[in-house]
Amino acid sequence: MARIVALDTSDVRFPTSLSLDGSDAMNPDPDYSAAYVRVRTDAADGLDGHGFVFTIGRGTEVQVAAIRALWPYLEDRDLDAVLDDLGGLWRELVHDSQLRWLGPEKGIMHMAIGAVVNALWDLKAKRADKPLWKLLASLTPEQLVDLVDFRYLEDALTRDQALAILRAAAEGKDARETTLLAEGYPAYTTTPGWLGYDDAKLAHLCREAVTDGFTQIKLKVGADLTEDIRRLGIAREVCGPDIRIAVDANQRWEVAEAIEWVKALEPFDVAWVEEPTNPDDVLGHAAIARGVAPIPVATGEHMANRVMFKQFLQAGALQVLQLDATRVAGVNENIAILLLAARFGVPVCPHAGGVGLCEAVQHLAMFDYLAVSGSTDGRMIEFVDHLHEHFVTPVEVTGGRYRAPKAPGAGAQLLDASIVEYTHG
């Protein structure tokens, strides 16, 4: 009988601030980092589970400490029992009375739970010899809803409604998998858009994105309106009229300011405006959505939990839902969020980039296509061409599309050499 024997953690930081990769109006000098966890067992197969929380430098040590605090909940647990009931484990951790007080269901402890839950899903997928997207898509509707906690959601999504969504999506799933394997999943790129890049680099990367087959790019905005207009002008001239250009303010604006600013950018045919104000402000986002329509509002990468997503959807406060692989409490909660999006008919365009977010979130988007929404219409995964070389199974993006990963697991495993070289302190 195999047991869980260790929860190893690392504080891994990459000095991306030196080249201003990742720079935006609120985060001018990020060092892309990961609070990293490895679940070790004494199983004869020798497989480990890997997960992480994406951070941007200072404070990663606090996130690592939160992950370490979960070790007593896993110590010496029966491995098969844990992996056979990841819905039960999720509830056990998220609803622990003392851990819950630190949130509830938000912040550092909630993300720590997500890292551990994701690591266990990585291990489960490896033991099944399947990539995570395929493992999730192979589950029955009943097995999937057993993973979801419907507490606080039932005014918007019930278990029966979730089952109906999943059962409807079952038709044609095999054909969609064939299409996914042959064609990949649509992507857009933020690689040209960092605020710290000079004009020559912006133009070069825009030109490169078009050549590489991307049909949408994204630019960071929000620091200076005159500069934003000038930079969007460069991007539009280089990309031409047929490439979509989204903008991302990274929470910079007040509500009225956001409406005024986006209207000034409207002549550049903005595909969406992302995170225009504080990520917790449901009513502010709803007001902005009304004020800038028909330009869609996109948000979600900083939403703390499924309840926030429910409220944004109920209020009509977002038109593009951007879930994140490591912000909420792992795969289970993201399944709930995907079901909410399907219930409200809102497309999901996951947040990626950073350290490993592309590798992780592709599995969720592909699972959504196969087993939840059944569609890629209006959907694409963010891509940023940074740090993939540090992963055992890096993403493959060609022709502006993510290629479905075939390696077993969730894609979160860093190379041992990279962990050693970039461990902080």
Protein backbone atom coordinates (compact mmCIF):
# COMPACT_ATOMS: atom_id res chain seq x y z
CA MET A 1 0.00 0.00 0.00
CA ALA A 2 1.68 3.21 -1.21
CA ARG A 3 1.73 6.25 1.02
CA ILE A 4 2.55 9.97 0.72
CA VAL A 5 5.97 10.48 2.30
CA ALA A 6 7.01 14.08 1.64
CA LEU A 7 5.93 17.51 0.46
CA ASP A 8 9.04 19.21 -0.94
CA THR A 9 8.95 22.95 -1.60
CA SER A 10 11.17 25.43 -3.42
CA ASP A 11 11.25 29.21 -3.83
CA VAL A 12 12.19 29.56 -7.50
CA ARG A 13 12.74 33.04 -8.96
CA PHE A 14 13.76 34.10 -12.47
CA PRO A 15 15.25 37.63 -12.92
CA THR A 16 12.86 38.76 -15.66
CA SER A 17 12.91 42.32 -14.34
CA LEU A 18 16.35 42.72 -15.95
CA SER A 19 14.76 42.66 -19.42
CA LEU A 20 11.39 44.11 -18.32
CA ASP A 21 9.58 40.95 -19.45
CA GLY A 22 6.19 41.02 -17.76
CA SER A 23 6.20 44.76 -17.10
CA ASP A 24 2.83 46.52 -16.96
CA ALA A 25 1.16 49.58 -15.46
CA MET A 26 0.90 48.07 -11.97
CA ASN A 27 3.92 45.73 -11.98
CA PRO A 28 6.85 47.59 -13.54
CA ASP A 29 9.63 45.18 -12.53
CA PRO A 30 8.36 41.62 -11.98
CA ASP A 31 10.65 38.68 -11.39
CA TYR A 32 8.60 35.73 -12.58
CA SER A 33 8.68 33.17 -9.79
CA ALA A 34 7.07 30.01 -8.47
CA ALA A 35 6.28 28.68 -5.03
CA TYR A 36 6.92 25.12 -6.13
CA VAL A 37 5.82 21.83 -4.58
CA ARG A 38 6.58 18.18 -5.21
CA VAL A 39 4.47 15.41 -3.65
CA ARG A 40 6.63 12.33 -3.09
CA THR A 41 5.39 8.82 -2.35
CA ASP A 42 6.86 5.39 -1.66
CA ALA A 43 5.02 3.84 -4.61
CA ALA A 44 6.99 1.35 -6.67
CA ASP A 45 6.42 3.38 -9.86
CA GLY A 46 8.65 6.17 -8.51
CA LEU A 47 6.29 8.88 -9.79
CA ASP A 48 5.97 12.30 -8.11
CA GLY A 49 3.34 15.03 -8.41
CA HIS A 50 4.37 18.61 -9.20
CA GLY A 51 2.53 21.91 -8.76
CA PHE A 52 3.18 25.57 -8.07
CA VAL A 53 1.75 29.00 -7.35
CA PHE A 54 2.86 31.70 -9.79
CA THR A 55 4.32 34.78 -8.08
CA ILE A 56 6.42 37.75 -9.22
CA GLY A 57 9.27 37.86 -6.71
CA ARG A 58 9.09 39.30 -3.20
CA GLY A 59 6.76 37.35 -0.94
CA THR A 60 7.26 34.01 -2.64
CA GLU A 61 8.76 32.75 0.61
CA VAL A 62 5.42 33.42 2.32
CA GLN A 63 3.58 31.38 -0.31
CA VAL A 64 6.09 28.55 0.13
CA ALA A 65 5.49 28.59 3.89
CA ALA A 66 1.73 28.28 3.30
CA ILE A 67 2.28 25.21 1.12
CA ARG A 68 4.51 23.65 3.80
CA ALA A 69 1.74 24.21 6.35
CA LEU A 70 -0.40 21.68 4.47
CA TRP A 71 1.99 18.78 5.06
CA PRO A 72 0.19 17.51 8.22
CA TYR A 73 -2.95 17.01 6.12
CA LEU A 74 -1.12 14.66 3.73
CA GLU A 75 1.51 13.01 5.89
CA ASP A 76 1.47 9.21 5.59
CA ARG A 77 -1.90 9.22 3.81
CA ASP A 78 -2.85 6.24 1.67
CA LEU A 79 -2.04 7.33 -1.87
CA ASP A 80 -4.79 5.44 -3.69
CA ALA A 81 -7.41 6.66 -1.23
CA VAL A 82 -6.36 10.28 -1.76
CA LEU A 83 -6.19 10.07 -5.56
CA ASP A 84 -9.50 8.20 -5.79
CA ASP A 85 -11.31 11.01 -3.97
CA LEU A 86 -9.75 14.33 -4.94
CA GLY A 87 -13.17 15.96 -4.52
CA GLY A 88 -13.18 14.83 -0.90
CA LEU A 89 -9.62 16.01 -0.31
CA TRP A 90 -10.49 19.41 -1.82
CA ARG A 91 -13.39 19.83 0.61
CA GLU A 92 -11.27 18.63 3.51
CA LEU A 93 -8.61 21.25 2.90
CA VAL A 94 -10.78 24.18 1.80
CA HIS A 95 -13.34 23.71 4.55
CA ASP A 96 -10.93 22.95 7.39
CA SER A 97 -12.22 25.25 10.12
CA GLN A 98 -8.83 26.74 11.03
CA LEU A 99 -7.39 27.04 7.52
CA ARG A 100 -10.68 28.53 6.37
CA TRP A 101 -10.33 31.36 8.86
CA LEU A 102 -7.29 32.57 6.90
CA GLY A 103 -9.50 33.25 3.86
CA PRO A 104 -12.10 32.16 3.69
CA GLU A 105 -11.41 30.67 0.25
CA LYS A 106 -9.02 33.38 -0.87
CA GLY A 107 -5.44 34.50 -0.62
CA ILE A 108 -2.21 32.71 0.15
CA MET A 109 -3.66 29.64 1.86
CA HIS A 110 -6.27 29.08 -0.84
CA MET A 111 -3.56 29.24 -3.52
CA ALA A 112 -1.37 26.89 -1.46
CA ILE A 113 -4.21 24.37 -1.45
CA GLY A 114 -4.42 24.83 -5.22
CA ALA A 115 -0.72 24.01 -5.63
CA VAL A 116 -1.08 20.79 -3.64
CA VAL A 117 -4.32 19.80 -5.36
CA ASN A 118 -2.76 20.44 -8.76
CA ALA A 119 0.30 18.37 -7.80
CA LEU A 120 -1.97 15.48 -6.87
CA TRP A 121 -3.78 15.78 -10.21
CA ASP A 122 -0.38 15.73 -11.92
CA LEU A 123 0.44 12.52 -10.07
CA LYS A 124 -2.95 10.99 -10.83
CA ALA A 125 -2.52 11.73 -14.54
CA LYS A 126 0.98 10.28 -14.59
CA ARG A 127 -0.22 7.10 -12.90
CA ALA A 128 -2.99 6.87 -15.51
CA ASP A 129 -0.36 7.45 -18.25
CA LYS A 130 -2.43 10.31 -19.68
CA PRO A 131 -2.03 14.06 -20.08
CA LEU A 132 -4.30 15.84 -17.63
CA TRP A 133 -6.68 17.16 -20.32
CA LYS A 134 -7.34 13.62 -21.53
CA LEU A 135 -7.74 12.22 -18.02
CA LEU A 136 -10.32 14.86 -17.13
CA ALA A 137 -12.18 14.42 -20.42
CA SER A 138 -12.36 10.67 -19.81
CA LEU A 139 -14.29 11.09 -16.56
CA THR A 140 -18.05 10.63 -16.58
CA PRO A 141 -20.34 13.59 -15.91
CA GLU A 142 -21.12 12.07 -12.51
CA GLN A 143 -17.42 11.76 -11.63
CA LEU A 144 -16.80 15.35 -12.68
CA VAL A 145 -19.60 16.86 -10.63
CA ASP A 146 -18.37 14.88 -7.62
CA LEU A 147 -15.18 16.95 -7.87
CA VAL A 148 -17.09 20.23 -7.60
CA ASP A 149 -18.22 21.95 -4.41
CA PHE A 150 -21.62 23.50 -5.20
CA ARG A 151 -21.80 25.33 -1.89
CA TYR A 152 -22.62 29.02 -2.54
CA LEU A 153 -23.20 28.33 -6.26
CA GLU A 154 -26.69 26.89 -6.35
CA ASP A 155 -28.43 30.20 -7.07
CA ALA A 156 -26.50 30.13 -10.37
CA LEU A 157 -25.47 26.52 -10.96
CA THR A 158 -26.89 23.35 -9.43
CA ARG A 159 -25.53 19.84 -9.60
CA ASP A 160 -28.33 18.84 -11.96
CA GLN A 161 -27.62 21.80 -14.25
CA ALA A 162 -23.91 20.90 -14.28
CA LEU A 163 -24.76 17.31 -15.16
CA ALA A 164 -26.96 18.53 -18.02
CA ILE A 165 -24.09 20.66 -19.39
CA LEU A 166 -21.65 17.76 -19.23
CA ARG A 167 -24.07 15.22 -20.69
CA ALA A 168 -24.88 17.53 -23.60
CA ALA A 169 -21.16 18.00 -24.29
CA ALA A 170 -20.59 14.24 -24.38
CA GLU A 171 -22.06 14.11 -27.88
CA GLY A 172 -19.27 14.62 -30.39
CA LYS A 173 -16.48 14.49 -27.80
CA ASP A 174 -14.47 11.87 -29.69
CA ALA A 175 -14.67 13.88 -32.91
CA ARG A 176 -13.54 17.02 -31.08
CA GLU A 177 -10.55 15.15 -29.65
CA THR A 178 -9.55 14.14 -33.17
CA THR A 179 -9.81 17.78 -34.24
CA LEU A 180 -7.82 18.95 -31.21
CA LEU A 181 -5.01 16.52 -31.90
CA ALA A 182 -4.90 17.47 -35.57
CA GLU A 183 -5.34 21.23 -35.34
CA GLY A 184 -4.47 22.32 -31.81
CA TYR A 185 -6.21 25.00 -29.72
CA PRO A 186 -6.32 28.71 -30.68
CA ALA A 187 -3.80 31.01 -28.98
CA TYR A 188 -3.10 34.72 -28.75
CA THR A 189 0.18 36.29 -27.70
CA THR A 190 1.12 38.95 -25.18
CA THR A 191 4.81 38.66 -26.05
CA PRO A 192 4.91 42.04 -27.89
CA GLY A 193 2.94 43.94 -25.32
CA TRP A 194 5.02 44.55 -22.19
CA LEU A 195 4.98 48.19 -21.15
CA GLY A 196 8.73 48.46 -20.67
CA TYR A 197 9.60 47.55 -24.27
CA ASP A 198 10.79 50.31 -26.61
CA ASP A 199 9.09 51.08 -29.93
CA ALA A 200 11.52 49.06 -32.03
CA LYS A 201 11.03 45.96 -29.91
CA LEU A 202 7.24 46.43 -29.92
CA ALA A 203 7.17 46.67 -33.71
CA HIS A 204 9.56 43.74 -34.18
CA LEU A 205 7.56 41.46 -31.88
CA CYS A 206 4.24 42.47 -33.46
CA ARG A 207 5.66 41.60 -36.88
CA GLU A 208 6.97 38.31 -35.53
CA ALA A 209 3.58 37.45 -33.99
CA VAL A 210 1.81 37.92 -37.31
CA THR A 211 4.46 35.84 -39.10
CA ASP A 212 4.04 33.11 -36.48
CA GLY A 213 0.32 32.82 -37.26
CA PHE A 214 -1.27 34.58 -34.29
CA THR A 215 -4.57 36.29 -35.07
CA GLN A 216 -4.62 38.32 -31.83
CA ILE A 217 -2.02 40.12 -29.74
CA LYS A 218 -2.37 41.98 -26.44
CA LEU A 219 -0.75 45.22 -25.28
CA LYS A 220 -0.37 46.48 -21.73
CA VAL A 221 -1.88 49.94 -21.18
CA GLY A 222 -2.84 52.28 -18.38
CA ALA A 223 0.23 54.27 -17.40
CA ASP A 224 -0.11 57.16 -19.86
CA LEU A 225 -2.94 57.67 -22.35
CA THR A 226 -0.85 59.55 -24.90
CA GLU A 227 1.73 56.78 -24.85
CA ASP A 228 -0.97 54.11 -25.14
CA ILE A 229 -2.43 55.80 -28.22
CA ARG A 230 1.03 56.03 -29.78
CA ARG A 231 1.93 52.40 -29.01
CA LEU A 232 -1.42 51.11 -30.28
CA GLY A 233 -0.84 53.11 -33.44
CA ILE A 234 2.49 51.34 -33.96
CA ALA A 235 0.95 47.93 -33.32
CA ARG A 236 -2.01 48.53 -35.61
CA GLU A 237 0.22 49.80 -38.42
CA VAL A 238 2.50 46.76 -38.18
CA CYS A 239 -0.26 44.18 -37.71
CA GLY A 240 -2.72 45.57 -40.24
CA PRO A 241 -6.50 45.68 -39.93
CA ASP A 242 -7.17 41.95 -39.66
CA ILE A 243 -5.23 41.14 -36.46
CA ARG A 244 -7.18 41.62 -33.24
CA ILE A 245 -5.51 43.78 -30.57
CA ALA A 246 -6.64 43.43 -26.96
CA VAL A 247 -5.51 45.76 -24.17
CA ASP A 248 -4.80 45.03 -20.51
CA ALA A 249 -4.79 47.71 -17.79
CA ASN A 250 -3.84 45.34 -14.94
CA GLN A 251 -6.33 46.96 -12.51
CA ARG A 252 -4.97 50.49 -12.99
CA TRP A 253 -8.10 52.66 -13.40
CA GLU A 254 -11.03 54.10 -11.52
CA VAL A 255 -14.41 53.22 -13.04
CA ALA A 256 -15.08 56.52 -14.84
CA GLU A 257 -11.42 56.78 -15.85
CA ALA A 258 -11.58 53.31 -17.41
CA ILE A 259 -14.58 54.21 -19.54
CA GLU A 260 -12.98 57.44 -20.73
CA TRP A 261 -9.61 55.77 -21.44
CA VAL A 262 -11.09 52.84 -23.38
CA LYS A 263 -13.23 55.18 -25.48
CA ALA A 264 -10.05 57.01 -26.43
CA LEU A 265 -8.55 53.70 -27.61
CA GLU A 266 -11.68 52.63 -29.49
CA PRO A 267 -10.44 53.84 -32.92
CA PHE A 268 -7.83 51.07 -32.84
CA ASP A 269 -10.57 48.40 -32.91
CA VAL A 270 -9.89 47.03 -29.43
CA ALA A 271 -10.71 43.30 -29.11
CA TRP A 272 -11.26 43.53 -25.34
CA VAL A 273 -10.19 45.53 -22.31
CA GLU A 274 -8.74 43.40 -19.55
CA GLU A 275 -8.77 44.05 -15.79
CA PRO A 276 -9.79 47.71 -16.07
CA THR A 277 -10.19 48.19 -12.32
CA ASN A 278 -9.87 46.41 -8.96
CA PRO A 279 -10.43 42.68 -9.54
CA ASP A 280 -12.89 42.42 -6.61
CA ASP A 281 -15.14 45.24 -7.86
CA VAL A 282 -18.13 43.44 -9.36
CA LEU A 283 -20.29 46.53 -9.74
CA GLY A 284 -17.39 48.60 -11.07
CA HIS A 285 -16.71 46.06 -13.79
CA ALA A 286 -20.41 45.94 -14.62
CA ALA A 287 -20.51 49.72 -14.99
CA ILE A 288 -17.41 49.67 -17.18
CA ALA A 289 -18.90 46.89 -19.32
CA ARG A 290 -21.99 49.02 -19.94
CA GLY A 291 -19.89 52.14 -20.53
CA VAL A 292 -17.48 50.68 -23.12
CA ALA A 293 -19.85 48.32 -24.96
CA PRO A 294 -19.55 46.80 -27.50
CA ILE A 295 -15.90 46.38 -26.46
CA PRO A 296 -15.93 43.34 -24.16
CA VAL A 297 -14.54 43.36 -20.62
CA ALA A 298 -12.18 40.48 -19.82
CA THR A 299 -11.12 39.55 -16.29
CA GLY A 300 -10.51 36.67 -13.90
CA GLU A 301 -6.80 36.07 -13.39
CA HIS A 302 -6.96 37.68 -9.93
CA MET A 303 -10.40 36.44 -8.89
CA ALA A 304 -10.04 34.65 -5.58
CA ASN A 305 -12.62 31.91 -5.93
CA ARG A 306 -15.60 30.44 -7.78
CA VAL A 307 -18.04 32.65 -5.86
CA MET A 308 -16.48 35.77 -7.34
CA PHE A 309 -16.80 34.31 -10.82
CA LYS A 310 -20.45 33.55 -10.10
CA GLN A 311 -21.15 37.13 -9.08
CA PHE A 312 -19.35 38.65 -12.08
CA LEU A 313 -21.34 36.42 -14.42
CA GLN A 314 -24.64 37.18 -12.67
CA ALA A 315 -23.96 40.92 -12.89
CA GLY A 316 -22.91 40.91 -16.55
CA ALA A 317 -19.57 42.30 -15.42
CA LEU A 318 -17.41 40.27 -17.80
CA GLN A 319 -17.80 39.11 -21.36
CA VAL A 320 -14.53 37.12 -21.52
CA LEU A 321 -13.68 34.88 -18.57
CA GLN A 322 -9.97 34.51 -17.79
CA LEU A 323 -9.47 31.74 -15.30
CA ASP A 324 -5.98 31.07 -13.96
CA ALA A 325 -4.44 27.67 -13.19
CA THR A 326 -2.93 28.71 -9.83
CA ARG A 327 -5.02 31.57 -8.43
CA VAL A 328 -7.91 29.45 -7.10
CA ALA A 329 -7.77 26.11 -5.27
CA GLY A 330 -6.68 23.98 -8.18
CA VAL A 331 -8.26 21.83 -10.86
CA ASN A 332 -11.45 21.14 -8.91
CA GLU A 333 -12.37 24.78 -8.50
CA ASN A 334 -11.49 25.54 -12.10
CA ILE A 335 -13.89 22.82 -13.23
CA ALA A 336 -16.59 24.66 -11.27
CA ILE A 337 -15.62 27.92 -12.99
CA LEU A 338 -15.72 26.31 -16.44
CA LEU A 339 -19.21 25.00 -15.67
CA LEU A 340 -20.32 28.46 -14.56
CA ALA A 341 -19.01 29.97 -17.78
CA ALA A 342 -20.88 27.35 -19.81
CA ARG A 343 -24.05 27.98 -17.84
CA PHE A 344 -23.88 31.70 -18.67
CA GLY A 345 -22.67 31.22 -22.23
CA VAL A 346 -19.47 33.22 -21.70
CA PRO A 347 -16.27 32.23 -23.53
CA VAL A 348 -13.20 31.25 -21.53
CA CYS A 349 -9.81 32.66 -22.59
CA PRO A 350 -7.41 31.54 -19.84
CA HIS A 351 -4.69 33.70 -18.37
CA ALA A 352 -1.21 32.35 -19.02
CA GLY A 353 2.39 33.48 -19.35
CA GLY A 354 4.42 33.84 -16.18
CA VAL A 355 6.20 30.70 -14.98
CA GLY A 356 4.44 27.57 -16.18
CA LEU A 357 0.97 29.05 -16.58
CA CYS A 358 0.92 28.20 -20.29
CA GLU A 359 1.97 24.64 -19.49
CA ALA A 360 -0.72 24.28 -16.82
CA VAL A 361 -3.75 26.09 -18.21
CA GLN A 362 -3.72 24.48 -21.65
CA HIS A 363 -5.05 21.31 -20.03
CA LEU A 364 -8.06 23.15 -18.59
CA ALA A 365 -8.93 24.84 -21.89
CA MET A 366 -8.65 21.61 -23.84
CA PHE A 367 -10.77 19.77 -21.28
CA ASP A 368 -13.36 22.56 -21.59
CA TYR A 369 -13.46 22.12 -25.36
CA LEU A 370 -13.88 18.36 -25.13
CA ALA A 371 -16.19 17.94 -22.15
CA VAL A 372 -17.82 21.23 -21.06
CA SER A 373 -18.40 23.96 -23.65
CA GLY A 374 -17.74 21.78 -26.68
CA SER A 375 -16.53 24.83 -28.56
CA THR A 376 -13.50 26.97 -29.38
CA ASP A 377 -15.64 29.83 -30.75
CA GLY A 378 -14.38 33.09 -29.27
CA ARG A 379 -11.93 31.13 -27.13
CA MET A 380 -8.15 31.22 -27.08
CA ILE A 381 -5.35 30.64 -24.60
CA GLU A 382 -2.87 33.40 -23.82
CA PHE A 383 0.72 32.66 -24.83
CA VAL A 384 3.90 34.39 -23.70
CA ASP A 385 7.24 33.12 -24.93
CA HIS A 386 9.11 33.16 -21.63
CA LEU A 387 10.78 30.45 -19.50
CA HIS A 388 9.33 27.36 -21.20
CA GLU A 389 12.84 25.90 -21.50
CA HIS A 390 12.82 25.25 -17.74
CA PHE A 391 10.03 22.65 -17.92
CA VAL A 392 10.25 18.91 -18.49
CA THR A 393 7.33 19.10 -20.95
CA PRO A 394 7.25 22.66 -22.34
CA VAL A 395 4.30 23.91 -24.35
CA GLU A 396 4.32 23.62 -28.09
CA VAL A 397 2.72 26.53 -29.94
CA THR A 398 2.91 26.57 -33.74
CA GLY A 399 0.90 28.46 -36.31
CA GLY A 400 -0.78 30.46 -33.55
CA ARG A 401 -2.19 27.31 -31.88
CA TYR A 402 -1.38 25.25 -28.80
CA ARG A 403 -0.60 21.65 -29.72
CA ALA A 404 -2.25 19.17 -27.38
CA PRO A 405 0.36 17.77 -24.99
CA LYS A 406 0.75 14.00 -25.10
CA ALA A 407 3.06 13.47 -22.14
CA PRO A 408 1.43 12.09 -18.97
CA GLY A 409 0.76 14.62 -16.23
CA ALA A 410 -0.25 18.25 -15.86
CA GLY A 411 2.86 19.85 -17.37
CA ALA A 412 3.97 21.59 -14.18
CA GLN A 413 7.29 19.84 -13.58
CA LEU A 414 10.38 22.05 -13.59
CA LEU A 415 13.76 20.67 -14.57
CA ASP A 416 15.84 19.77 -11.51
CA ALA A 417 18.73 21.87 -12.83
CA SER A 418 16.49 24.95 -13.13
CA ILE A 419 15.24 24.51 -9.56
CA VAL A 420 18.82 24.34 -8.29
CA GLU A 421 20.02 27.31 -10.35
CA TYR A 422 17.12 29.65 -9.58
CA THR A 423 16.22 28.76 -6.00
CA HIS A 424 16.15 32.01 -4.03
CA GLY A 425 18.32 32.63 -1.03
